[in-house]
Amino acid sequence: MQLSKKKELASKVLKVGKGRIIFVEENLSEIKEAITRQDILDLCKSGAIQVAKIKGRKRVIHRKNKRRTGKIKKNVNNTKQEYVIITRKLRKFLKHLLKKNQINKEDYRNSRKMIKARKFKSKRHLKESLEESK
């Protein structure tokens, strides 16, 4: 006799898993006729349907994460990438000014050396220093 749908209904009504529902074999004909939730509850009270106790471990033991090769997280130092980005931006800007004849060759050379020495923090800083030198 296939009673899987009855077991599903009983598990929903009693709010337990399907594996914990036990049908008593003497009352299988009554269980087969049960249709509504109330029928299932009545059968549970009469003892035709039983709920098995929980077996196994009740508490989950949390393990500490061990510090191994895959777990170590270092703060990456991005100073070189920042240097490369700012240097390329400033050199490109200087080249543009030289093409437009807004600065002379001597200022261009000096500014390039200062860029290499990290004297300028930003493009605005470079512009201000060029304006002061004029």
C-alpha atoms as a PDB file:
ATOM      1  CA  MET A   1       0.000   0.000   0.000  1.00  0.00           C
ATOM      2  CA  GLN A   2       1.409   3.350  -1.118  1.00  0.00           C
ATOM      3  CA  LEU A   3       0.991   6.010   1.590  1.00  0.00           C
ATOM      4  CA  SER A   4       3.680   8.510   0.577  1.00  0.00           C
ATOM      5  CA  LYS A   5       1.165  11.352   0.044  1.00  0.00           C
ATOM      6  CA  LYS A   6      -0.370  10.675   3.481  1.00  0.00           C
ATOM      7  CA  LYS A   7       3.109  10.770   4.992  1.00  0.00           C
ATOM      8  CA  GLU A   8       3.779  14.118   3.252  1.00  0.00           C
ATOM      9  CA  LEU A   9       0.518  15.557   4.571  1.00  0.00           C
ATOM     10  CA  ALA A  10       1.260  14.303   8.073  1.00  0.00           C
ATOM     11  CA  SER A  11       4.742  15.828   8.000  1.00  0.00           C
ATOM     12  CA  LYS A  12       3.277  19.218   6.994  1.00  0.00           C
ATOM     13  CA  VAL A  13       0.546  19.097   9.627  1.00  0.00           C
ATOM     14  CA  LEU A  14       2.814  17.936  12.461  1.00  0.00           C
ATOM     15  CA  LYS A  15       5.740  20.135  11.283  1.00  0.00           C
ATOM     16  CA  VAL A  16       8.342  17.360  11.269  1.00  0.00           C
ATOM     17  CA  GLY A  17      10.311  15.616   8.544  1.00  0.00           C
ATOM     18  CA  LYS A  18       8.880  12.736   6.514  1.00  0.00           C
ATOM     19  CA  GLY A  19      11.475  10.384   7.962  1.00  0.00           C
ATOM     20  CA  ARG A  20      10.131  10.858  11.494  1.00  0.00           C
ATOM     21  CA  ILE A  21       6.504   9.918  10.651  1.00  0.00           C
ATOM     22  CA  ILE A  22       5.615   6.319  11.636  1.00  0.00           C
ATOM     23  CA  PHE A  23       2.332   4.668  10.655  1.00  0.00           C
ATOM     24  CA  VAL A  24       1.075   1.901  12.967  1.00  0.00           C
ATOM     25  CA  GLU A  25       0.319  -1.109  10.749  1.00  0.00           C
ATOM     26  CA  GLU A  26      -2.927  -2.084  12.496  1.00  0.00           C
ATOM     27  CA  ASN A  27      -4.494   1.287  11.584  1.00  0.00           C
ATOM     28  CA  LEU A  28      -3.378   1.526   7.947  1.00  0.00           C
ATOM     29  CA  SER A  29      -6.972   1.361   6.625  1.00  0.00           C
ATOM     30  CA  GLU A  30      -7.944   4.404   8.752  1.00  0.00           C
ATOM     31  CA  ILE A  31      -4.828   6.279   7.595  1.00  0.00           C
ATOM     32  CA  LYS A  32      -5.663   5.480   3.977  1.00  0.00           C
ATOM     33  CA  GLU A  33      -9.117   7.072   4.370  1.00  0.00           C
ATOM     34  CA  ALA A  34      -7.761  10.244   6.035  1.00  0.00           C
ATOM     35  CA  ILE A  35      -8.049  13.225   3.699  1.00  0.00           C
ATOM     36  CA  THR A  36      -8.018  16.426   5.730  1.00  0.00           C
ATOM     37  CA  ARG A  37      -5.529  17.915   8.169  1.00  0.00           C
ATOM     38  CA  GLN A  38      -8.012  17.388  10.979  1.00  0.00           C
ATOM     39  CA  ASP A  39      -8.183  13.654  10.149  1.00  0.00           C
ATOM     40  CA  ILE A  40      -4.383  13.458  10.435  1.00  0.00           C
ATOM     41  CA  LEU A  41      -4.419  15.299  13.789  1.00  0.00           C
ATOM     42  CA  ASP A  42      -7.126  12.963  15.128  1.00  0.00           C
ATOM     43  CA  LEU A  43      -5.123   9.905  14.023  1.00  0.00           C
ATOM     44  CA  CYS A  44      -2.049  11.328  15.735  1.00  0.00           C
ATOM     45  CA  LYS A  45      -3.990  11.799  18.991  1.00  0.00           C
ATOM     46  CA  SER A  46      -5.378   8.258  18.810  1.00  0.00           C
ATOM     47  CA  GLY A  47      -1.890   6.844  18.235  1.00  0.00           C
ATOM     48  CA  ALA A  48      -2.303   5.579  14.665  1.00  0.00           C
ATOM     49  CA  ILE A  49       0.348   8.042  13.507  1.00  0.00           C
ATOM     50  CA  GLN A  50       3.455   8.451  15.645  1.00  0.00           C
ATOM     51  CA  VAL A  51       6.400  10.832  15.484  1.00  0.00           C
ATOM     52  CA  ALA A  52       9.849   9.331  16.029  1.00  0.00           C
ATOM     53  CA  LYS A  53      12.305  11.065  18.348  1.00  0.00           C
ATOM     54  CA  ILE A  54      15.248  12.986  16.962  1.00  0.00           C
ATOM     55  CA  LYS A  55      18.380  10.909  16.853  1.00  0.00           C
ATOM     56  CA  GLY A  56      21.965  11.982  16.436  1.00  0.00           C
ATOM     57  CA  ARG A  57      23.889  15.025  17.563  1.00  0.00           C
ATOM     58  CA  LYS A  58      21.785  17.933  18.760  1.00  0.00           C
ATOM     59  CA  ARG A  59      24.423  20.662  18.701  1.00  0.00           C
ATOM     60  CA  VAL A  60      26.703  21.601  15.858  1.00  0.00           C
ATOM     61  CA  ILE A  61      30.277  21.978  17.043  1.00  0.00           C
ATOM     62  CA  HIS A  62      31.922  24.946  15.346  1.00  0.00           C
ATOM     63  CA  ARG A  63      35.547  24.399  14.485  1.00  0.00           C
ATOM     64  CA  LYS A  64      38.004  27.260  14.498  1.00  0.00           C
ATOM     65  CA  ASN A  65      39.455  28.212  11.147  1.00  0.00           C
ATOM     66  CA  LYS A  66      43.088  27.232  11.217  1.00  0.00           C
ATOM     67  CA  ARG A  67      45.677  29.582   9.773  1.00  0.00           C
ATOM     68  CA  ARG A  68      47.224  27.734   6.876  1.00  0.00           C
ATOM     69  CA  THR A  69      48.623  28.667   3.484  1.00  0.00           C
ATOM     70  CA  GLY A  70      45.238  29.334   1.887  1.00  0.00           C
ATOM     71  CA  LYS A  71      43.873  31.321   4.822  1.00  0.00           C
ATOM     72  CA  ILE A  72      46.524  34.026   5.212  1.00  0.00           C
ATOM     73  CA  LYS A  73      45.338  37.396   3.916  1.00  0.00           C
ATOM     74  CA  LYS A  74      47.884  40.161   3.554  1.00  0.00           C
ATOM     75  CA  ASN A  75      47.279  43.814   2.838  1.00  0.00           C
ATOM     76  CA  VAL A  76      48.546  44.375  -0.684  1.00  0.00           C
ATOM     77  CA  ASN A  77      50.840  47.359  -1.091  1.00  0.00           C
ATOM     78  CA  ASN A  78      49.770  49.251  -4.221  1.00  0.00           C
ATOM     79  CA  THR A  79      52.352  52.032  -4.082  1.00  0.00           C
ATOM     80  CA  LYS A  80      54.074  50.985  -7.306  1.00  0.00           C
ATOM     81  CA  GLN A  81      50.792  50.841  -9.229  1.00  0.00           C
ATOM     82  CA  GLU A  82      49.841  54.273  -7.894  1.00  0.00           C
ATOM     83  CA  TYR A  83      53.262  55.628  -8.901  1.00  0.00           C
ATOM     84  CA  VAL A  84      52.956  54.217 -12.413  1.00  0.00           C
ATOM     85  CA  ILE A  85      49.447  55.635 -12.909  1.00  0.00           C
ATOM     86  CA  ILE A  86      50.271  59.150 -11.692  1.00  0.00           C
ATOM     87  CA  THR A  87      53.592  59.231 -13.571  1.00  0.00           C
ATOM     88  CA  ARG A  88      52.020  58.230 -16.891  1.00  0.00           C
ATOM     89  CA  LYS A  89      49.226  60.779 -16.428  1.00  0.00           C
ATOM     90  CA  LEU A  90      51.620  63.634 -15.637  1.00  0.00           C
ATOM     91  CA  ARG A  91      54.072  62.779 -18.436  1.00  0.00           C
ATOM     92  CA  LYS A  92      51.223  62.658 -20.950  1.00  0.00           C
ATOM     93  CA  PHE A  93      49.997  66.044 -19.733  1.00  0.00           C
ATOM     94  CA  LEU A  94      53.505  67.528 -20.026  1.00  0.00           C
ATOM     95  CA  LYS A  95      53.880  66.180 -23.559  1.00  0.00           C
ATOM     96  CA  HIS A  96      50.552  67.767 -24.472  1.00  0.00           C
ATOM     97  CA  LEU A  97      51.692  71.155 -23.091  1.00  0.00           C
ATOM     98  CA  LEU A  98      54.968  70.889 -25.017  1.00  0.00           C
ATOM     99  CA  LYS A  99      53.127  70.180 -28.298  1.00  0.00           C
ATOM    100  CA  LYS A 100      50.856  73.187 -27.710  1.00  0.00           C
ATOM    101  CA  ASN A 101      53.975  75.307 -26.972  1.00  0.00           C
ATOM    102  CA  GLN A 102      52.645  76.286 -23.551  1.00  0.00           C
ATOM    103  CA  ILE A 103      55.952  75.316 -21.898  1.00  0.00           C
ATOM    104  CA  ASN A 104      59.506  75.402 -23.239  1.00  0.00           C
ATOM    105  CA  LYS A 105      61.934  72.493 -23.534  1.00  0.00           C
ATOM    106  CA  GLU A 106      63.853  73.429 -20.388  1.00  0.00           C
ATOM    107  CA  ASP A 107      60.715  73.502 -18.175  1.00  0.00           C
ATOM    108  CA  TYR A 108      59.643  70.223 -19.756  1.00  0.00           C
ATOM    109  CA  ARG A 109      62.965  68.542 -18.794  1.00  0.00           C
ATOM    110  CA  ASN A 110      62.873  69.898 -15.237  1.00  0.00           C
ATOM    111  CA  SER A 111      59.259  68.858 -14.758  1.00  0.00           C
ATOM    112  CA  ARG A 112      60.013  65.344 -16.006  1.00  0.00           C
ATOM    113  CA  LYS A 113      62.800  65.035 -13.426  1.00  0.00           C
ATOM    114  CA  MET A 114      60.480  66.279 -10.694  1.00  0.00           C
ATOM    115  CA  ILE A 115      57.790  63.791 -11.736  1.00  0.00           C
ATOM    116  CA  LYS A 116      60.356  60.989 -11.501  1.00  0.00           C
ATOM    117  CA  ALA A 117      61.274  62.203  -7.999  1.00  0.00           C
ATOM    118  CA  ARG A 118      57.556  62.145  -6.988  1.00  0.00           C
ATOM    119  CA  LYS A 119      57.352  65.860  -6.262  1.00  0.00           C
ATOM    120  CA  PHE A 120      53.802  66.125  -7.639  1.00  0.00           C
ATOM    121  CA  LYS A 121      50.822  64.418  -5.995  1.00  0.00           C
ATOM    122  CA  SER A 122      48.328  65.141  -8.758  1.00  0.00           C
ATOM    123  CA  LYS A 123      47.771  66.851 -12.107  1.00  0.00           C
ATOM    124  CA  ARG A 124      46.439  69.937 -10.308  1.00  0.00           C
ATOM    125  CA  HIS A 125      49.632  70.110  -8.248  1.00  0.00           C
ATOM    126  CA  LEU A 126      51.704  70.005 -11.465  1.00  0.00           C
ATOM    127  CA  LYS A 127      49.573  72.748 -13.067  1.00  0.00           C
ATOM    128  CA  GLU A 128      49.989  74.993 -10.021  1.00  0.00           C
ATOM    129  CA  SER A 129      53.751  74.554  -9.953  1.00  0.00           C
ATOM    130  CA  LEU A 130      54.013  75.311 -13.705  1.00  0.00           C
ATOM    131  CA  GLU A 131      51.934  78.485 -13.237  1.00  0.00           C
ATOM    132  CA  GLU A 132      54.206  79.604 -10.371  1.00  0.00           C
ATOM    133  CA  SER A 133      57.327  79.070 -12.468  1.00  0.00           C
ATOM    134  CA  LYS A 134      56.005  81.317 -15.294  1.00  0.00           C
END
